[in-house]
Amino acid sequence: MSGATLAKSTMKFGARLGIAAIVLIVLGPLINRNFGVGDSLGLMPLSAAWESAPVAVLVSLTYLILLVPCVVLSATLITTSLVIRHAEAAEQAMTTEDSASNAH
């Protein structure tokens, strides 16, 4: 797999994860108020919230478990893609510079 293909597929996957993270961020308040630990349970300690509404705590926990890795992995993949592209551009410039200096 060439560097350009790797960078392109990495950027696409990172962008898709970023879009998923944005959707989760936008829908987060709706999910937490209706199905998760909303405003009333949010001020309670975790153990008390778990005793009164364990499913709501699990929904909120699942939301966070999905959101945090999506954001972190998306940023990591996009950054990796940009680094690969920069390295390829620098390598091309070096190759072009070397061939130009060898021609003279």
N, C-alpha and C. Protein backbone atom coordinates (compact mmCIF):
# COMPACT_ATOMS: atom_id res chain seq x y z
N MET A 1 0.85 -1.17 0.00
CA MET A 1 0.00 0.00 0.00
C MET A 1 0.89 1.23 0.00
N SER A 2 0.65 2.12 -0.93
CA SER A 2 1.48 3.32 -1.01
C SER A 2 1.10 4.30 0.09
N GLY A 3 1.98 5.25 0.28
CA GLY A 3 1.75 6.25 1.32
C GLY A 3 0.53 7.11 1.04
N ALA A 4 0.31 7.45 -0.24
CA ALA A 4 -0.85 8.28 -0.59
C ALA A 4 -2.16 7.54 -0.32
N THR A 5 -2.19 6.26 -0.66
CA THR A 5 -3.38 5.46 -0.43
C THR A 5 -3.63 5.29 1.06
N LEU A 6 -2.57 5.05 1.81
CA LEU A 6 -2.69 4.92 3.25
C LEU A 6 -3.18 6.21 3.88
N ALA A 7 -2.62 7.34 3.45
CA ALA A 7 -3.03 8.63 3.99
C ALA A 7 -4.49 8.92 3.67
N LYS A 8 -4.90 8.58 2.46
CA LYS A 8 -6.28 8.85 2.05
C LYS A 8 -7.27 8.00 2.84
N SER A 9 -6.98 6.71 2.99
CA SER A 9 -7.90 5.85 3.74
C SER A 9 -7.92 6.21 5.22
N THR A 10 -6.77 6.61 5.75
CA THR A 10 -6.70 7.04 7.15
C THR A 10 -7.51 8.31 7.36
N MET A 11 -7.40 9.24 6.42
CA MET A 11 -8.16 10.48 6.53
C MET A 11 -9.66 10.21 6.44
N LYS A 12 -10.08 9.33 5.54
CA LYS A 12 -11.51 9.01 5.41
C LYS A 12 -12.05 8.39 6.70
N PHE A 13 -11.32 7.42 7.24
CA PHE A 13 -11.78 6.76 8.46
C PHE A 13 -11.80 7.74 9.63
N GLY A 14 -10.78 8.59 9.72
CA GLY A 14 -10.75 9.60 10.79
C GLY A 14 -11.88 10.60 10.66
N ALA A 15 -12.19 10.98 9.43
CA ALA A 15 -13.29 11.93 9.22
C ALA A 15 -14.63 11.29 9.58
N ARG A 16 -14.80 10.01 9.23
CA ARG A 16 -16.04 9.31 9.59
C ARG A 16 -16.20 9.21 11.10
N LEU A 17 -15.12 8.92 11.79
CA LEU A 17 -15.18 8.88 13.25
C LEU A 17 -15.47 10.26 13.83
N GLY A 18 -14.91 11.29 13.20
CA GLY A 18 -15.18 12.65 13.63
C GLY A 18 -16.65 13.02 13.46
N ILE A 19 -17.24 12.60 12.35
CA ILE A 19 -18.66 12.86 12.13
C ILE A 19 -19.49 12.11 13.16
N ALA A 20 -19.12 10.88 13.46
CA ALA A 20 -19.82 10.11 14.49
C ALA A 20 -19.71 10.80 15.85
N ALA A 21 -18.54 11.35 16.15
CA ALA A 21 -18.36 12.06 17.42
C ALA A 21 -19.22 13.31 17.46
N ILE A 22 -19.31 14.03 16.35
CA ILE A 22 -20.15 15.24 16.31
C ILE A 22 -21.61 14.88 16.51
N VAL A 23 -22.06 13.79 15.88
CA VAL A 23 -23.44 13.35 16.06
C VAL A 23 -23.68 12.98 17.53
N LEU A 24 -22.73 12.28 18.14
CA LEU A 24 -22.88 11.93 19.56
C LEU A 24 -22.90 13.17 20.45
N ILE A 25 -22.09 14.17 20.12
CA ILE A 25 -22.08 15.39 20.92
C ILE A 25 -23.40 16.14 20.79
N VAL A 26 -23.94 16.20 19.58
CA VAL A 26 -25.21 16.90 19.37
C VAL A 26 -26.36 16.17 20.04
N LEU A 27 -26.36 14.84 19.95
CA LEU A 27 -27.45 14.06 20.54
C LEU A 27 -27.24 13.76 22.02
N GLY A 28 -26.09 14.11 22.57
CA GLY A 28 -25.78 13.80 23.97
C GLY A 28 -26.80 14.30 24.98
N PRO A 29 -27.17 15.57 24.92
CA PRO A 29 -28.17 16.04 25.89
C PRO A 29 -29.51 15.31 25.77
N LEU A 30 -29.92 15.02 24.55
CA LEU A 30 -31.16 14.29 24.35
C LEU A 30 -31.07 12.88 24.92
N ILE A 31 -29.96 12.22 24.66
CA ILE A 31 -29.77 10.86 25.18
C ILE A 31 -29.73 10.85 26.70
N ASN A 32 -28.97 11.77 27.29
CA ASN A 32 -28.83 11.77 28.75
C ASN A 32 -30.11 12.18 29.46
N ARG A 33 -30.86 13.15 28.92
CA ARG A 33 -32.09 13.56 29.59
C ARG A 33 -33.18 12.51 29.50
N ASN A 34 -33.29 11.86 28.35
CA ASN A 34 -34.40 10.92 28.15
C ASN A 34 -34.09 9.50 28.58
N PHE A 35 -32.85 9.07 28.43
CA PHE A 35 -32.53 7.67 28.71
C PHE A 35 -31.44 7.50 29.75
N GLY A 36 -30.63 8.50 29.96
CA GLY A 36 -29.49 8.37 30.84
C GLY A 36 -29.66 9.12 32.14
N VAL A 37 -28.54 9.41 32.76
CA VAL A 37 -28.53 10.16 34.00
C VAL A 37 -28.75 11.62 33.63
N GLY A 38 -29.94 12.09 33.83
CA GLY A 38 -30.29 13.45 33.45
C GLY A 38 -29.96 14.44 34.54
N ASP A 39 -30.70 15.51 34.56
CA ASP A 39 -30.45 16.59 35.51
C ASP A 39 -30.71 16.17 36.96
N SER A 40 -31.75 15.38 37.19
CA SER A 40 -32.09 15.02 38.57
C SER A 40 -31.09 14.04 39.18
N LEU A 41 -30.63 13.09 38.38
CA LEU A 41 -29.68 12.10 38.91
C LEU A 41 -28.24 12.55 38.76
N GLY A 42 -28.00 13.58 38.00
CA GLY A 42 -26.65 14.04 37.73
C GLY A 42 -25.94 14.59 38.94
N LEU A 43 -26.71 15.07 39.91
CA LEU A 43 -26.10 15.66 41.10
C LEU A 43 -25.87 14.64 42.21
N MET A 44 -26.41 13.45 42.04
CA MET A 44 -26.24 12.39 43.04
C MET A 44 -24.87 11.73 42.90
N PRO A 45 -24.38 11.15 43.98
CA PRO A 45 -23.18 10.32 43.85
C PRO A 45 -23.50 9.10 42.98
N LEU A 46 -22.48 8.55 42.37
CA LEU A 46 -22.68 7.43 41.44
C LEU A 46 -23.35 6.24 42.10
N SER A 47 -22.97 5.93 43.32
CA SER A 47 -23.56 4.76 43.98
C SER A 47 -25.06 4.96 44.23
N ALA A 48 -25.46 6.17 44.59
CA ALA A 48 -26.89 6.43 44.81
C ALA A 48 -27.65 6.41 43.49
N ALA A 49 -27.06 6.94 42.43
CA ALA A 49 -27.71 6.90 41.12
C ALA A 49 -27.82 5.47 40.62
N TRP A 50 -26.81 4.65 40.89
CA TRP A 50 -26.83 3.25 40.46
C TRP A 50 -27.95 2.49 41.17
N GLU A 51 -28.17 2.79 42.45
CA GLU A 51 -29.23 2.11 43.19
C GLU A 51 -30.61 2.51 42.71
N SER A 52 -30.78 3.76 42.32
CA SER A 52 -32.12 4.22 41.92
C SER A 52 -32.40 3.98 40.44
N ALA A 53 -31.39 4.04 39.58
CA ALA A 53 -31.63 3.86 38.14
C ALA A 53 -30.39 3.27 37.47
N PRO A 54 -30.19 1.97 37.59
CA PRO A 54 -28.97 1.36 37.02
C PRO A 54 -28.93 1.42 35.49
N VAL A 55 -30.07 1.33 34.83
CA VAL A 55 -30.09 1.38 33.37
C VAL A 55 -29.68 2.77 32.88
N ALA A 56 -30.13 3.80 33.57
CA ALA A 56 -29.77 5.16 33.19
C ALA A 56 -28.27 5.39 33.34
N VAL A 57 -27.69 4.84 34.39
CA VAL A 57 -26.24 4.97 34.58
C VAL A 57 -25.50 4.22 33.47
N LEU A 58 -25.99 3.05 33.09
CA LEU A 58 -25.36 2.29 32.01
C LEU A 58 -25.47 3.01 30.67
N VAL A 59 -26.61 3.64 30.41
CA VAL A 59 -26.78 4.39 29.16
C VAL A 59 -25.79 5.56 29.12
N SER A 60 -25.69 6.30 30.21
CA SER A 60 -24.75 7.43 30.25
C SER A 60 -23.30 6.97 30.14
N LEU A 61 -22.98 5.86 30.79
CA LEU A 61 -21.63 5.33 30.73
C LEU A 61 -21.30 4.85 29.32
N THR A 62 -22.25 4.18 28.67
CA THR A 62 -22.05 3.73 27.29
C THR A 62 -21.86 4.92 26.36
N TYR A 63 -22.62 5.96 26.57
CA TYR A 63 -22.48 7.19 25.78
C TYR A 63 -21.06 7.74 25.89
N LEU A 64 -20.56 7.82 27.11
CA LEU A 64 -19.20 8.34 27.30
C LEU A 64 -18.14 7.40 26.73
N ILE A 65 -18.38 6.09 26.86
CA ILE A 65 -17.43 5.12 26.31
C ILE A 65 -17.38 5.20 24.80
N LEU A 66 -18.47 5.55 24.16
CA LEU A 66 -18.48 5.73 22.70
C LEU A 66 -17.90 7.07 22.29
N LEU A 67 -18.22 8.11 23.04
CA LEU A 67 -17.83 9.46 22.65
C LEU A 67 -16.33 9.70 22.75
N VAL A 68 -15.75 9.39 23.87
CA VAL A 68 -14.34 9.72 24.10
C VAL A 68 -13.40 9.03 23.10
N PRO A 69 -13.53 7.73 22.87
CA PRO A 69 -12.64 7.11 21.88
C PRO A 69 -12.87 7.64 20.46
N CYS A 70 -14.12 7.96 20.11
CA CYS A 70 -14.38 8.51 18.77
C CYS A 70 -13.61 9.81 18.57
N VAL A 71 -13.66 10.68 19.55
CA VAL A 71 -12.98 11.97 19.43
C VAL A 71 -11.47 11.78 19.39
N VAL A 72 -10.95 11.00 20.31
CA VAL A 72 -9.49 10.81 20.39
C VAL A 72 -8.96 10.08 19.16
N LEU A 73 -9.62 9.01 18.76
CA LEU A 73 -9.15 8.24 17.61
C LEU A 73 -9.28 9.04 16.31
N SER A 74 -10.35 9.81 16.19
CA SER A 74 -10.52 10.65 15.01
C SER A 74 -9.38 11.67 14.89
N ALA A 75 -9.09 12.34 15.98
CA ALA A 75 -8.00 13.33 15.96
C ALA A 75 -6.66 12.66 15.66
N THR A 76 -6.44 11.49 16.23
CA THR A 76 -5.19 10.77 16.00
C THR A 76 -5.05 10.33 14.54
N LEU A 77 -6.12 9.80 13.97
CA LEU A 77 -6.06 9.34 12.59
C LEU A 77 -5.90 10.49 11.60
N ILE A 78 -6.59 11.58 11.83
CA ILE A 78 -6.45 12.73 10.94
C ILE A 78 -5.04 13.30 11.03
N THR A 79 -4.50 13.39 12.23
CA THR A 79 -3.14 13.88 12.40
C THR A 79 -2.14 12.94 11.72
N THR A 80 -2.34 11.64 11.87
CA THR A 80 -1.46 10.67 11.22
C THR A 80 -1.51 10.81 9.71
N SER A 81 -2.69 10.99 9.18
CA SER A 81 -2.84 11.17 7.74
C SER A 81 -2.09 12.41 7.25
N LEU A 82 -2.19 13.48 8.00
CA LEU A 82 -1.48 14.71 7.61
C LEU A 82 0.03 14.55 7.70
N VAL A 83 0.49 13.80 8.69
CA VAL A 83 1.93 13.54 8.82
C VAL A 83 2.43 12.69 7.65
N ILE A 84 1.65 11.68 7.27
CA ILE A 84 2.03 10.84 6.13
C ILE A 84 2.11 11.68 4.87
N ARG A 85 1.11 12.52 4.66
CA ARG A 85 1.11 13.36 3.45
C ARG A 85 2.29 14.33 3.45
N HIS A 86 2.60 14.89 4.61
CA HIS A 86 3.73 15.81 4.69
C HIS A 86 5.04 15.08 4.42
N ALA A 87 5.18 13.88 4.96
CA ALA A 87 6.41 13.11 4.74
C ALA A 87 6.56 12.75 3.26
N GLU A 88 5.46 12.40 2.62
CA GLU A 88 5.54 12.09 1.18
C GLU A 88 5.89 13.31 0.36
N ALA A 89 5.32 14.46 0.71
CA ALA A 89 5.63 15.68 -0.02
C ALA A 89 7.10 16.07 0.16
N ALA A 90 7.61 15.90 1.39
CA ALA A 90 9.01 16.20 1.64
C ALA A 90 9.92 15.23 0.89
N GLU A 91 9.53 13.96 0.82
CA GLU A 91 10.32 12.97 0.10
C GLU A 91 10.32 13.27 -1.40
N GLN A 92 9.18 13.68 -1.92
CA GLN A 92 9.11 14.05 -3.34
C GLN A 92 9.98 15.26 -3.63
N ALA A 93 9.95 16.24 -2.73
CA ALA A 93 10.76 17.43 -2.92
C ALA A 93 12.25 17.09 -2.89
N MET A 94 12.63 16.19 -1.99
CA MET A 94 14.03 15.77 -1.91
C MET A 94 14.44 15.03 -3.18
N THR A 95 13.56 14.18 -3.69
CA THR A 95 13.85 13.42 -4.90
C THR A 95 13.98 14.35 -6.09
N THR A 96 13.09 15.32 -6.19
CA THR A 96 13.14 16.29 -7.29
C THR A 96 14.40 17.15 -7.18
N GLU A 97 14.73 17.54 -5.96
CA GLU A 97 15.95 18.36 -5.74
C GLU A 97 17.19 17.58 -6.09
N ASP A 98 17.24 16.29 -5.69
CA ASP A 98 18.42 15.46 -6.01
C ASP A 98 18.57 15.23 -7.50
N SER A 99 17.45 14.98 -8.19
CA SER A 99 17.54 14.75 -9.63
C SER A 99 17.92 16.02 -10.37
N ALA A 100 17.50 17.18 -9.86
CA ALA A 100 17.85 18.45 -10.48
C ALA A 100 19.33 18.75 -10.26
N SER A 101 19.86 18.42 -9.08
CA SER A 101 21.27 18.70 -8.82
C SER A 101 22.16 17.71 -9.57
N ASN A 102 21.70 16.49 -9.80
CA ASN A 102 22.47 15.51 -10.55
C ASN A 102 22.48 15.84 -12.06
N ALA A 103 21.45 16.51 -12.53
CA ALA A 103 21.38 16.86 -13.94
C ALA A 103 22.37 17.98 -14.28
N HIS A 104 22.74 18.78 -13.33
CA HIS A 104 23.67 19.90 -13.59
C HIS A 104 25.04 19.46 -13.34
